[in-house]
């Protein structure tokens, strides 16, 4: 510990020429300055980003009737009491910090990067029917032996066959989709890729 007092240093700073330091005081100040330059920081101050949250508490979301979320609180009872005073507002179900973190970063971390989310069932409600109806065609050929090698035939190209493309029915598309979902569900359950 130093023998130089805080008052002595303040006095020297105010009038350095009139209150000169002794050789011993100068050496002591030099040691203090050197020690402060070599010292490791006790802590670093920085803003903690949301990505660094640990799951340490439950959060309660407070929401107004118009859908605005005003705050998250760790004490559900206090949040409810505060909002009861404001007519027409409510406390939503508690939200774990983990769910709050997932909402901030977007996609769920349990889905690998090379996977995609797909619906289990194709329905008109999830938009699958409007997107997939008419997208898949079944091609069939009808043979006309009488047209074989007839370059003048307007129905075929002289091959004696007419190509007909018929849209695959919605029922067939759903059946194929369900088989695919079942296949991948069973392969992931057994550890296959």
N, C-alpha and C. Protein backbone atom coordinates (compact mmCIF):
# COMPACT_ATOMS: atom_id res chain seq x y z
N UNK A 1 0.84 -1.18 0.00
CA UNK A 1 0.00 0.00 0.00
C UNK A 1 0.88 1.24 0.00
N UNK A 2 0.44 2.28 -0.64
CA UNK A 2 1.23 3.50 -0.76
C UNK A 2 1.08 4.39 0.48
N UNK A 3 2.15 5.17 0.72
CA UNK A 3 2.10 6.13 1.83
C UNK A 3 1.69 7.51 1.35
N UNK A 4 1.58 7.67 0.06
CA UNK A 4 1.16 8.96 -0.50
C UNK A 4 -0.35 9.05 -0.37
N UNK A 5 -0.82 10.12 0.22
CA UNK A 5 -2.26 10.29 0.40
C UNK A 5 -2.89 10.91 -0.83
N UNK A 6 -4.17 10.74 -0.93
CA UNK A 6 -4.93 11.31 -2.04
C UNK A 6 -4.84 12.84 -2.01
N UNK A 7 -4.89 13.41 -0.79
CA UNK A 7 -4.82 14.86 -0.65
C UNK A 7 -3.47 15.40 -1.13
N UNK A 8 -2.39 14.65 -0.85
CA UNK A 8 -1.04 15.08 -1.26
C UNK A 8 -0.94 15.09 -2.79
N UNK A 9 -1.52 14.10 -3.45
CA UNK A 9 -1.49 14.05 -4.92
C UNK A 9 -2.32 15.18 -5.49
N UNK A 10 -3.50 15.44 -4.91
CA UNK A 10 -4.34 16.53 -5.40
C UNK A 10 -3.64 17.88 -5.24
N UNK A 11 -2.93 18.06 -4.13
CA UNK A 11 -2.20 19.30 -3.89
C UNK A 11 -1.08 19.46 -4.91
N UNK A 12 -0.38 18.39 -5.23
CA UNK A 12 0.69 18.46 -6.23
C UNK A 12 0.13 18.78 -7.61
N UNK A 13 -1.04 18.22 -7.95
CA UNK A 13 -1.64 18.48 -9.25
C UNK A 13 -2.04 19.94 -9.37
N UNK A 14 -2.57 20.53 -8.28
CA UNK A 14 -3.00 21.93 -8.32
C UNK A 14 -1.82 22.88 -8.47
N UNK A 15 -0.75 22.64 -7.75
CA UNK A 15 0.42 23.54 -7.83
C UNK A 15 1.69 22.70 -7.75
N UNK A 16 2.11 22.16 -8.91
CA UNK A 16 3.25 21.23 -8.90
C UNK A 16 4.58 21.86 -8.49
N UNK A 17 4.82 23.13 -8.78
CA UNK A 17 6.11 23.72 -8.47
C UNK A 17 6.26 24.07 -6.99
N UNK A 18 5.17 24.50 -6.37
CA UNK A 18 5.23 24.91 -4.97
C UNK A 18 5.23 23.72 -4.02
N UNK A 19 4.65 22.63 -4.44
CA UNK A 19 4.54 21.45 -3.57
C UNK A 19 5.29 20.28 -4.20
N UNK A 20 6.55 20.42 -4.40
CA UNK A 20 7.35 19.40 -5.04
C UNK A 20 7.34 18.09 -4.28
N UNK A 21 7.43 17.02 -5.04
CA UNK A 21 7.44 15.69 -4.45
C UNK A 21 8.86 15.32 -4.08
N UNK A 22 8.99 14.57 -3.02
CA UNK A 22 10.30 14.06 -2.64
C UNK A 22 10.69 12.94 -3.60
N UNK A 23 11.95 12.58 -3.58
CA UNK A 23 12.43 11.50 -4.45
C UNK A 23 11.68 10.21 -4.15
N UNK A 24 11.40 9.93 -2.90
CA UNK A 24 10.67 8.72 -2.52
C UNK A 24 9.24 8.73 -3.05
N UNK A 25 8.59 9.92 -2.99
CA UNK A 25 7.22 10.02 -3.50
C UNK A 25 7.18 9.84 -5.02
N UNK A 26 8.21 10.38 -5.69
CA UNK A 26 8.27 10.21 -7.15
C UNK A 26 8.43 8.74 -7.52
N UNK A 27 9.26 8.02 -6.80
CA UNK A 27 9.46 6.60 -7.07
C UNK A 27 8.18 5.81 -6.79
N UNK A 28 7.49 6.18 -5.70
CA UNK A 28 6.23 5.50 -5.36
C UNK A 28 5.19 5.72 -6.46
N UNK A 29 5.07 6.95 -6.96
CA UNK A 29 4.12 7.25 -8.05
C UNK A 29 4.50 6.50 -9.32
N UNK A 30 5.80 6.39 -9.59
CA UNK A 30 6.25 5.65 -10.77
C UNK A 30 5.87 4.18 -10.64
N UNK A 31 6.04 3.59 -9.42
CA UNK A 31 5.64 2.20 -9.21
C UNK A 31 4.13 2.02 -9.39
N UNK A 32 3.33 2.96 -8.88
CA UNK A 32 1.87 2.89 -9.03
C UNK A 32 1.48 2.97 -10.50
N UNK A 33 2.12 3.90 -11.23
CA UNK A 33 1.81 4.05 -12.65
C UNK A 33 2.18 2.79 -13.42
N UNK A 34 3.34 2.22 -13.13
CA UNK A 34 3.77 1.00 -13.81
C UNK A 34 2.83 -0.16 -13.48
N UNK A 35 2.43 -0.28 -12.23
CA UNK A 35 1.52 -1.35 -11.84
C UNK A 35 0.17 -1.21 -12.54
N UNK A 36 -0.30 0.02 -12.69
CA UNK A 36 -1.59 0.21 -13.35
C UNK A 36 -1.50 -0.10 -14.84
N UNK A 37 -0.33 0.13 -15.44
CA UNK A 37 -0.16 -0.18 -16.87
C UNK A 37 -0.04 -1.68 -17.10
N UNK A 38 0.53 -2.41 -16.15
CA UNK A 38 0.71 -3.84 -16.31
C UNK A 38 -0.47 -4.66 -15.81
N UNK A 39 -1.40 -4.04 -15.14
CA UNK A 39 -2.52 -4.76 -14.53
C UNK A 39 -3.47 -5.28 -15.60
N UNK A 40 -4.02 -6.46 -15.33
CA UNK A 40 -5.05 -7.04 -16.19
C UNK A 40 -6.40 -6.42 -15.82
N UNK A 41 -7.26 -6.20 -16.81
CA UNK A 41 -8.56 -5.63 -16.46
C UNK A 41 -9.38 -6.61 -15.62
N UNK A 42 -10.11 -6.07 -14.67
CA UNK A 42 -10.96 -6.89 -13.81
C UNK A 42 -12.15 -7.40 -14.60
N UNK A 43 -12.70 -6.54 -15.44
CA UNK A 43 -13.83 -6.94 -16.28
C UNK A 43 -13.84 -6.05 -17.51
N UNK A 44 -14.57 -6.51 -18.49
CA UNK A 44 -14.75 -5.71 -19.70
C UNK A 44 -16.20 -5.29 -19.76
N UNK A 45 -16.43 -4.04 -20.04
CA UNK A 45 -17.81 -3.57 -20.14
C UNK A 45 -18.19 -3.53 -21.61
N UNK A 46 -19.26 -4.21 -21.93
CA UNK A 46 -19.78 -4.20 -23.29
C UNK A 46 -21.24 -4.59 -23.24
N UNK A 47 -21.96 -4.25 -24.29
CA UNK A 47 -23.37 -4.59 -24.37
C UNK A 47 -23.51 -6.08 -24.64
N UNK A 48 -24.35 -6.73 -23.90
CA UNK A 48 -24.60 -8.15 -24.09
C UNK A 48 -25.65 -8.33 -25.17
N UNK A 49 -25.29 -8.88 -26.33
CA UNK A 49 -26.31 -9.06 -27.38
C UNK A 49 -27.29 -10.15 -27.00
N UNK A 50 -28.46 -10.12 -27.63
CA UNK A 50 -29.51 -11.09 -27.32
C UNK A 50 -29.05 -12.52 -27.60
N UNK A 51 -28.08 -12.71 -28.49
CA UNK A 51 -27.66 -14.06 -28.83
C UNK A 51 -26.92 -14.74 -27.69
N UNK A 52 -26.56 -13.98 -26.65
CA UNK A 52 -25.81 -14.56 -25.54
C UNK A 52 -26.69 -14.95 -24.36
N UNK A 53 -28.01 -14.90 -24.51
CA UNK A 53 -28.90 -15.21 -23.39
C UNK A 53 -28.76 -16.66 -22.95
N UNK A 54 -28.76 -16.85 -21.67
CA UNK A 54 -28.87 -18.17 -21.08
C UNK A 54 -30.30 -18.28 -20.56
N UNK A 55 -30.83 -19.49 -20.49
CA UNK A 55 -32.18 -19.64 -19.97
C UNK A 55 -32.11 -19.60 -18.45
N UNK A 56 -32.34 -18.43 -17.89
CA UNK A 56 -32.24 -18.27 -16.45
C UNK A 56 -33.55 -17.85 -15.80
N UNK A 57 -34.54 -17.41 -16.58
CA UNK A 57 -35.79 -16.95 -15.98
C UNK A 57 -36.92 -17.07 -16.99
N UNK A 58 -38.13 -17.11 -16.45
CA UNK A 58 -39.31 -17.06 -17.31
C UNK A 58 -39.61 -15.60 -17.60
N UNK A 59 -40.16 -15.35 -18.77
CA UNK A 59 -40.57 -14.00 -19.13
C UNK A 59 -42.07 -13.99 -19.34
N UNK A 60 -42.71 -12.91 -18.99
CA UNK A 60 -44.14 -12.75 -19.21
C UNK A 60 -44.33 -11.57 -20.15
N UNK A 61 -45.00 -11.85 -21.27
CA UNK A 61 -45.21 -10.80 -22.26
C UNK A 61 -46.49 -10.05 -21.92
N UNK A 62 -46.42 -8.74 -21.90
CA UNK A 62 -47.59 -7.91 -21.65
C UNK A 62 -48.03 -7.34 -22.99
N UNK A 63 -49.31 -7.48 -23.28
CA UNK A 63 -49.79 -7.09 -24.59
C UNK A 63 -51.09 -6.30 -24.46
N UNK A 64 -51.21 -5.25 -25.27
CA UNK A 64 -52.42 -4.44 -25.29
C UNK A 64 -53.42 -5.05 -26.27
N UNK A 65 -54.68 -4.57 -26.21
CA UNK A 65 -55.73 -5.11 -27.07
C UNK A 65 -55.40 -4.95 -28.55
N UNK A 66 -54.69 -3.88 -28.91
CA UNK A 66 -54.38 -3.67 -30.33
C UNK A 66 -53.21 -4.53 -30.80
N UNK A 67 -52.68 -5.40 -29.94
CA UNK A 67 -51.63 -6.33 -30.34
C UNK A 67 -50.23 -5.86 -30.04
N UNK A 68 -50.07 -4.60 -29.62
CA UNK A 68 -48.73 -4.12 -29.31
C UNK A 68 -48.21 -4.81 -28.06
N UNK A 69 -46.97 -5.24 -28.12
CA UNK A 69 -46.32 -5.81 -26.95
C UNK A 69 -45.55 -4.68 -26.29
N UNK A 70 -45.78 -4.49 -25.01
CA UNK A 70 -45.12 -3.35 -24.37
C UNK A 70 -43.87 -3.76 -23.60
N UNK A 71 -43.80 -4.97 -23.08
CA UNK A 71 -42.61 -5.33 -22.30
C UNK A 71 -42.61 -6.81 -21.98
N UNK A 72 -41.46 -7.28 -21.57
CA UNK A 72 -41.32 -8.62 -21.03
C UNK A 72 -40.89 -8.46 -19.57
N UNK A 73 -41.51 -9.22 -18.68
CA UNK A 73 -41.17 -9.14 -17.26
C UNK A 73 -40.86 -10.54 -16.74
N UNK A 74 -39.97 -10.60 -15.75
CA UNK A 74 -39.63 -11.90 -15.17
C UNK A 74 -40.62 -12.31 -14.09
N UNK A 75 -41.37 -11.39 -13.54
CA UNK A 75 -42.33 -11.71 -12.48
C UNK A 75 -43.74 -11.63 -13.05
N UNK A 76 -44.36 -12.79 -13.23
CA UNK A 76 -45.69 -12.85 -13.83
C UNK A 76 -46.75 -12.19 -12.99
N UNK A 77 -46.66 -12.33 -11.66
CA UNK A 77 -47.67 -11.74 -10.78
C UNK A 77 -47.62 -10.22 -10.86
N UNK A 78 -46.42 -9.65 -10.85
CA UNK A 78 -46.30 -8.20 -10.95
C UNK A 78 -46.78 -7.70 -12.31
N UNK A 79 -46.45 -8.44 -13.35
CA UNK A 79 -46.90 -8.04 -14.69
C UNK A 79 -48.42 -8.06 -14.77
N UNK A 80 -49.04 -9.08 -14.18
CA UNK A 80 -50.50 -9.17 -14.20
C UNK A 80 -51.12 -8.06 -13.38
N UNK A 81 -50.57 -7.75 -12.21
CA UNK A 81 -51.10 -6.67 -11.39
C UNK A 81 -51.00 -5.33 -12.11
N UNK A 82 -49.88 -5.09 -12.74
CA UNK A 82 -49.67 -3.83 -13.46
C UNK A 82 -50.69 -3.70 -14.58
N UNK A 83 -50.92 -4.78 -15.29
CA UNK A 83 -51.83 -4.71 -16.42
C UNK A 83 -53.30 -4.71 -16.01
N UNK A 84 -53.62 -5.29 -14.85
CA UNK A 84 -55.00 -5.25 -14.39
C UNK A 84 -55.46 -3.82 -14.16
N UNK A 85 -54.52 -2.97 -13.80
CA UNK A 85 -54.86 -1.56 -13.61
C UNK A 85 -55.18 -0.88 -14.94
N UNK A 86 -54.65 -1.41 -16.02
CA UNK A 86 -54.92 -0.86 -17.36
C UNK A 86 -56.04 -1.69 -17.97
N UNK A 87 -57.21 -1.11 -18.11
CA UNK A 87 -58.39 -1.82 -18.59
C UNK A 87 -58.17 -2.39 -19.98
N UNK A 88 -58.56 -3.65 -20.18
CA UNK A 88 -58.54 -4.27 -21.50
C UNK A 88 -57.21 -4.86 -21.92
N UNK A 89 -56.25 -4.90 -21.05
CA UNK A 89 -54.95 -5.46 -21.40
C UNK A 89 -54.80 -6.82 -20.73
N UNK A 90 -53.84 -7.58 -21.20
CA UNK A 90 -53.69 -8.93 -20.66
C UNK A 90 -52.23 -9.35 -20.67
N UNK A 91 -51.92 -10.33 -19.86
CA UNK A 91 -50.59 -10.91 -19.85
C UNK A 91 -50.66 -12.20 -20.65
N UNK A 92 -49.80 -12.31 -21.65
CA UNK A 92 -49.77 -13.52 -22.47
C UNK A 92 -49.12 -14.64 -21.66
N UNK A 93 -49.19 -15.85 -22.22
CA UNK A 93 -48.53 -16.96 -21.55
C UNK A 93 -47.05 -16.65 -21.40
N UNK A 94 -46.46 -17.22 -20.37
CA UNK A 94 -45.06 -16.90 -20.15
C UNK A 94 -44.22 -17.42 -21.31
N UNK A 95 -43.14 -16.73 -21.56
CA UNK A 95 -42.25 -17.06 -22.66
C UNK A 95 -40.88 -17.34 -22.06
N UNK A 96 -40.32 -18.47 -22.34
CA UNK A 96 -38.98 -18.77 -21.85
C UNK A 96 -37.97 -17.93 -22.63
N UNK A 97 -36.87 -17.62 -21.99
CA UNK A 97 -35.82 -16.86 -22.67
C UNK A 97 -35.38 -17.56 -23.94
N UNK A 98 -35.40 -18.87 -23.92
CA UNK A 98 -35.00 -19.64 -25.10
C UNK A 98 -35.93 -19.32 -26.27
N UNK A 99 -37.24 -19.28 -26.02
CA UNK A 99 -38.20 -18.96 -27.08
C UNK A 99 -38.03 -17.51 -27.54
N UNK A 100 -37.75 -16.62 -26.60
CA UNK A 100 -37.51 -15.22 -26.95
C UNK A 100 -36.27 -15.11 -27.83
N UNK A 101 -35.24 -15.83 -27.47
CA UNK A 101 -34.01 -15.85 -28.26
C UNK A 101 -34.28 -16.39 -29.66
N UNK A 102 -35.04 -17.48 -29.78
CA UNK A 102 -35.37 -18.05 -31.08
C UNK A 102 -36.15 -17.07 -31.93
N UNK A 103 -37.05 -16.33 -31.30
CA UNK A 103 -37.82 -15.33 -32.04
C UNK A 103 -36.92 -14.22 -32.56
N UNK A 104 -35.89 -13.88 -31.80
CA UNK A 104 -34.99 -12.82 -32.24
C UNK A 104 -34.10 -13.27 -33.40
N UNK A 105 -33.64 -14.51 -33.38
CA UNK A 105 -32.71 -14.95 -34.42
C UNK A 105 -33.40 -15.56 -35.62
N UNK A 106 -34.69 -15.87 -35.53
CA UNK A 106 -35.41 -16.40 -36.68
C UNK A 106 -35.59 -17.89 -36.61
N UNK A 107 -34.99 -18.61 -37.53
CA UNK A 107 -35.21 -20.04 -37.68
C UNK A 107 -34.78 -20.82 -36.44
N UNK A 108 -35.47 -21.90 -36.19
CA UNK A 108 -35.18 -22.74 -35.04
C UNK A 108 -33.82 -23.42 -35.22
N UNK A 109 -32.99 -23.47 -34.18
CA UNK A 109 -31.67 -24.07 -34.32
C UNK A 109 -31.69 -25.59 -34.46
N UNK A 110 -32.84 -26.25 -34.26
CA UNK A 110 -32.87 -27.70 -34.36
C UNK A 110 -33.01 -28.19 -35.79
N UNK A 111 -33.28 -27.31 -36.73
CA UNK A 111 -33.42 -27.71 -38.13
C UNK A 111 -32.06 -27.53 -38.81
N UNK A 112 -31.43 -28.61 -39.28
CA UNK A 112 -30.14 -28.47 -39.97
C UNK A 112 -30.26 -27.58 -41.21
N UNK A 113 -29.14 -26.96 -41.58
CA UNK A 113 -29.14 -26.01 -42.69
C UNK A 113 -29.61 -26.61 -44.01
N UNK A 114 -29.33 -27.88 -44.26
CA UNK A 114 -29.68 -28.46 -45.56
C UNK A 114 -31.08 -29.08 -45.56
N UNK A 115 -31.86 -28.88 -44.53
CA UNK A 115 -33.23 -29.38 -44.46
C UNK A 115 -34.20 -28.24 -44.72
N UNK A 116 -35.42 -28.60 -45.13
CA UNK A 116 -36.47 -27.60 -45.32
C UNK A 116 -37.72 -28.07 -44.59
N UNK A 117 -38.52 -27.11 -44.16
CA UNK A 117 -39.78 -27.43 -43.50
C UNK A 117 -40.85 -27.62 -44.57
N UNK A 118 -41.60 -28.69 -44.47
CA UNK A 118 -42.70 -28.96 -45.39
C UNK A 118 -43.91 -29.39 -44.57
N UNK A 119 -45.11 -29.15 -45.10
CA UNK A 119 -46.29 -29.60 -44.35
C UNK A 119 -46.41 -31.11 -44.38
N UNK A 120 -46.98 -31.69 -43.32
CA UNK A 120 -47.20 -33.13 -43.29
C UNK A 120 -48.32 -33.53 -44.24
N UNK A 121 -49.32 -32.67 -44.33
CA UNK A 121 -50.46 -32.96 -45.21
C UNK A 121 -50.66 -31.82 -46.18
N UNK A 122 -51.01 -32.17 -47.40
CA UNK A 122 -51.33 -31.16 -48.41
C UNK A 122 -52.82 -30.86 -48.34
N UNK A 123 -53.14 -29.60 -48.14
CA UNK A 123 -54.54 -29.20 -48.07
C UNK A 123 -54.74 -27.90 -48.84
N UNK A 124 -55.99 -27.59 -49.11
CA UNK A 124 -56.31 -26.31 -49.73
C UNK A 124 -56.01 -25.17 -48.76
N UNK A 125 -56.16 -25.43 -47.45
CA UNK A 125 -55.95 -24.39 -46.44
C UNK A 125 -54.50 -23.93 -46.37
N UNK A 126 -53.55 -24.86 -46.52
CA UNK A 126 -52.15 -24.43 -46.45
C UNK A 126 -51.61 -24.03 -47.82
N UNK A 127 -52.47 -23.92 -48.81
CA UNK A 127 -52.08 -23.41 -50.13
C UNK A 127 -51.50 -24.43 -51.07
N UNK A 128 -51.37 -25.67 -50.63
CA UNK A 128 -50.73 -26.69 -51.45
C UNK A 128 -51.55 -27.01 -52.70
N UNK A 129 -52.86 -27.06 -52.56
CA UNK A 129 -53.69 -27.45 -53.70
C UNK A 129 -53.58 -26.43 -54.82
N UNK A 130 -53.64 -25.16 -54.48
CA UNK A 130 -53.56 -24.14 -55.54
C UNK A 130 -52.17 -24.10 -56.17
N UNK A 131 -51.14 -24.44 -55.40
CA UNK A 131 -49.78 -24.42 -55.94
C UNK A 131 -49.46 -25.65 -56.79
N UNK A 132 -49.97 -26.81 -56.39
CA UNK A 132 -49.56 -28.05 -57.05
C UNK A 132 -50.53 -28.56 -58.10
N UNK A 133 -51.78 -28.13 -58.05
CA UNK A 133 -52.74 -28.61 -59.05
C UNK A 133 -52.32 -28.13 -60.43
N UNK A 134 -52.21 -29.06 -61.35
CA UNK A 134 -51.81 -28.73 -62.72
C UNK A 134 -50.32 -28.64 -62.94
N UNK A 135 -49.52 -28.78 -61.89
CA UNK A 135 -48.07 -28.70 -62.03
C UNK A 135 -47.46 -30.00 -62.54
N UNK A 136 -48.11 -31.10 -62.30
CA UNK A 136 -47.58 -32.40 -62.70
C UNK A 136 -48.45 -32.98 -63.81
N UNK A 137 -47.78 -33.43 -64.85
CA UNK A 137 -48.49 -33.98 -66.00
C UNK A 137 -48.09 -35.43 -66.22
N UNK A 138 -49.06 -36.21 -66.62
CA UNK A 138 -48.80 -37.61 -66.98
C UNK A 138 -48.85 -37.67 -68.50
N UNK A 139 -47.78 -38.17 -69.09
CA UNK A 139 -47.68 -38.23 -70.55
C UNK A 139 -48.03 -39.63 -71.04
N UNK A 140 -48.93 -39.69 -71.99
CA UNK A 140 -49.28 -40.97 -72.62
C UNK A 140 -49.23 -40.80 -74.13
N UNK A 141 -49.03 -41.89 -74.83
CA UNK A 141 -49.00 -41.88 -76.29
C UNK A 141 -50.09 -42.80 -76.81
N UNK A 142 -50.79 -42.33 -77.80
CA UNK A 142 -51.82 -43.13 -78.47
C UNK A 142 -51.29 -43.46 -79.86
N UNK A 143 -51.33 -44.75 -80.21
CA UNK A 143 -50.81 -45.19 -81.50
C UNK A 143 -51.90 -45.17 -82.57
N UNK A 144 -51.52 -44.71 -83.75
CA UNK A 144 -52.36 -44.73 -84.94
C UNK A 144 -51.55 -45.36 -86.07
N UNK A 145 -51.68 -46.68 -86.23
CA UNK A 145 -50.88 -47.36 -87.25
C UNK A 145 -51.16 -46.83 -88.66
N UNK A 146 -52.37 -46.33 -88.90
CA UNK A 146 -52.69 -45.84 -90.24
C UNK A 146 -51.92 -44.57 -90.59
N UNK A 147 -51.41 -43.84 -89.56
CA UNK A 147 -50.66 -42.61 -89.82
C UNK A 147 -49.17 -42.87 -89.95
N UNK A 148 -48.72 -44.08 -89.70
CA UNK A 148 -47.31 -44.39 -89.70
C UNK A 148 -46.67 -43.98 -91.02
N UNK A 149 -45.65 -43.21 -90.96
CA UNK A 149 -44.87 -42.72 -92.10
C UNK A 149 -45.67 -41.79 -93.01
N UNK A 150 -46.78 -41.26 -92.52
CA UNK A 150 -47.55 -40.29 -93.30
C UNK A 150 -47.08 -38.89 -92.90
N UNK A 151 -46.24 -38.29 -93.74
CA UNK A 151 -45.68 -36.97 -93.46
C UNK A 151 -46.75 -35.88 -93.47
N UNK A 152 -47.87 -36.11 -94.12
CA UNK A 152 -48.94 -35.12 -94.26
C UNK A 152 -49.90 -35.12 -93.08
N UNK A 153 -49.80 -36.08 -92.15
CA UNK A 153 -50.74 -36.20 -91.04
C UNK A 153 -50.62 -34.98 -90.13
N UNK A 154 -51.76 -34.37 -89.83
CA UNK A 154 -51.77 -33.19 -88.96
C UNK A 154 -51.84 -33.56 -87.49
N UNK A 155 -52.22 -34.79 -87.16
CA UNK A 155 -52.37 -35.22 -85.77
C UNK A 155 -51.06 -35.68 -85.16
N UNK A 156 -50.16 -36.21 -85.96
CA UNK A 156 -48.89 -36.69 -85.43
C UNK A 156 -47.77 -36.22 -86.35
N UNK A 157 -46.57 -36.55 -85.99
CA UNK A 157 -45.40 -36.13 -86.78
C UNK A 157 -44.94 -37.20 -87.76
N UNK A 158 -45.81 -38.11 -88.07
CA UNK A 158 -45.46 -39.20 -88.98
C UNK A 158 -44.99 -40.44 -88.26
N UNK A 159 -44.94 -40.40 -86.94
CA UNK A 159 -44.49 -41.55 -86.17
C UNK A 159 -45.61 -42.53 -85.89
N UNK A 160 -46.84 -42.12 -86.14
CA UNK A 160 -47.98 -42.97 -85.85
C UNK A 160 -48.40 -42.91 -84.39
N UNK A 161 -47.86 -41.95 -83.65
CA UNK A 161 -48.21 -41.80 -82.23
C UNK A 161 -48.56 -40.34 -81.94
N UNK A 162 -49.56 -40.16 -81.07
CA UNK A 162 -49.93 -38.82 -80.62
C UNK A 162 -49.60 -38.72 -79.13
N UNK A 163 -48.90 -37.65 -78.76
CA UNK A 163 -48.53 -37.43 -77.36
C UNK A 163 -49.67 -36.65 -76.67
N UNK A 164 -50.15 -37.19 -75.55
CA UNK A 164 -51.20 -36.53 -74.78
C UNK A 164 -50.70 -36.34 -73.35
N UNK A 165 -50.79 -35.10 -72.84
CA UNK A 165 -50.40 -34.80 -71.46
C UNK A 165 -51.65 -34.50 -70.65
N UNK A 166 -51.85 -35.27 -69.60
CA UNK A 166 -53.02 -35.14 -68.74
C UNK A 166 -52.54 -34.72 -67.35
N UNK A 167 -53.15 -33.69 -66.74
CA UNK A 167 -52.74 -33.30 -65.38
C UNK A 167 -52.99 -34.44 -64.39
N UNK A 168 -52.03 -34.63 -63.48
CA UNK A 168 -52.17 -35.64 -62.44
C UNK A 168 -53.23 -35.14 -61.46
N UNK A 169 -54.12 -36.03 -61.04
CA UNK A 169 -55.22 -35.63 -60.15
C UNK A 169 -54.70 -35.23 -58.77
N UNK A 170 -55.48 -34.39 -58.11
CA UNK A 170 -55.13 -33.93 -56.77
C UNK A 170 -55.04 -35.10 -55.80
N UNK A 171 -55.90 -36.08 -55.94
CA UNK A 171 -55.89 -37.27 -55.09
C UNK A 171 -54.58 -38.02 -55.25
N UNK A 172 -54.10 -38.15 -56.48
CA UNK A 172 -52.83 -38.84 -56.74
C UNK A 172 -51.66 -38.06 -56.16
N UNK A 173 -51.67 -36.73 -56.31
CA UNK A 173 -50.59 -35.89 -55.76
C UNK A 173 -50.52 -36.07 -54.24
N UNK A 174 -51.68 -36.05 -53.57
CA UNK A 174 -51.70 -36.22 -52.11
C UNK A 174 -51.19 -37.60 -51.71
N UNK A 175 -51.56 -38.64 -52.47
CA UNK A 175 -51.12 -40.00 -52.14
C UNK A 175 -49.60 -40.12 -52.27
N UNK A 176 -49.04 -39.53 -53.33
CA UNK A 176 -47.58 -39.56 -53.51
C UNK A 176 -46.90 -38.80 -52.37
N UNK A 177 -47.43 -37.64 -52.04
CA UNK A 177 -46.87 -36.82 -50.96
C UNK A 177 -46.88 -37.57 -49.63
N UNK A 178 -48.01 -38.20 -49.31
CA UNK A 178 -48.12 -38.94 -48.05
C UNK A 178 -47.12 -40.08 -47.98
N UNK A 179 -46.90 -40.76 -49.12
CA UNK A 179 -45.91 -41.85 -49.14
C UNK A 179 -44.51 -41.29 -48.91
N UNK A 180 -44.20 -40.14 -49.49
CA UNK A 180 -42.90 -39.51 -49.29
C UNK A 180 -42.68 -39.09 -47.85
N UNK A 181 -43.70 -38.48 -47.25
CA UNK A 181 -43.59 -38.06 -45.84
C UNK A 181 -43.38 -39.28 -44.96
N UNK A 182 -44.13 -40.33 -45.20
CA UNK A 182 -44.00 -41.56 -44.40
C UNK A 182 -42.61 -42.18 -44.58
N UNK A 183 -42.11 -42.18 -45.80
CA UNK A 183 -40.78 -42.74 -46.07
C UNK A 183 -39.72 -41.98 -45.28
N UNK A 184 -39.74 -40.64 -45.35
CA UNK A 184 -38.71 -39.87 -44.67
C UNK A 184 -38.89 -39.89 -43.15
N UNK A 185 -40.12 -40.00 -42.69
CA UNK A 185 -40.36 -40.11 -41.26
C UNK A 185 -39.75 -41.41 -40.74
N UNK A 186 -39.95 -42.51 -41.46
CA UNK A 186 -39.41 -43.79 -41.00
C UNK A 186 -37.89 -43.84 -41.16
N UNK A 187 -37.33 -43.20 -42.20
CA UNK A 187 -35.88 -43.24 -42.37
C UNK A 187 -35.17 -42.39 -41.32
N UNK A 188 -35.77 -41.27 -40.90
CA UNK A 188 -35.13 -40.48 -39.84
C UNK A 188 -35.28 -41.16 -38.49
N UNK A 189 -36.35 -41.92 -38.29
CA UNK A 189 -36.53 -42.63 -37.02
C UNK A 189 -35.51 -43.75 -36.88
N UNK A 190 -35.10 -44.35 -38.01
CA UNK A 190 -34.12 -45.44 -37.96
C UNK A 190 -32.69 -44.93 -38.09
N UNK A 191 -32.52 -43.62 -38.23
CA UNK A 191 -31.18 -43.05 -38.31
C UNK A 191 -30.66 -42.89 -39.71
N UNK A 192 -31.46 -43.14 -40.72
CA UNK A 192 -31.02 -42.94 -42.10
C UNK A 192 -31.08 -41.48 -42.49
N UNK A 193 -30.40 -41.14 -43.58
CA UNK A 193 -30.40 -39.74 -44.04
C UNK A 193 -31.29 -39.57 -45.24
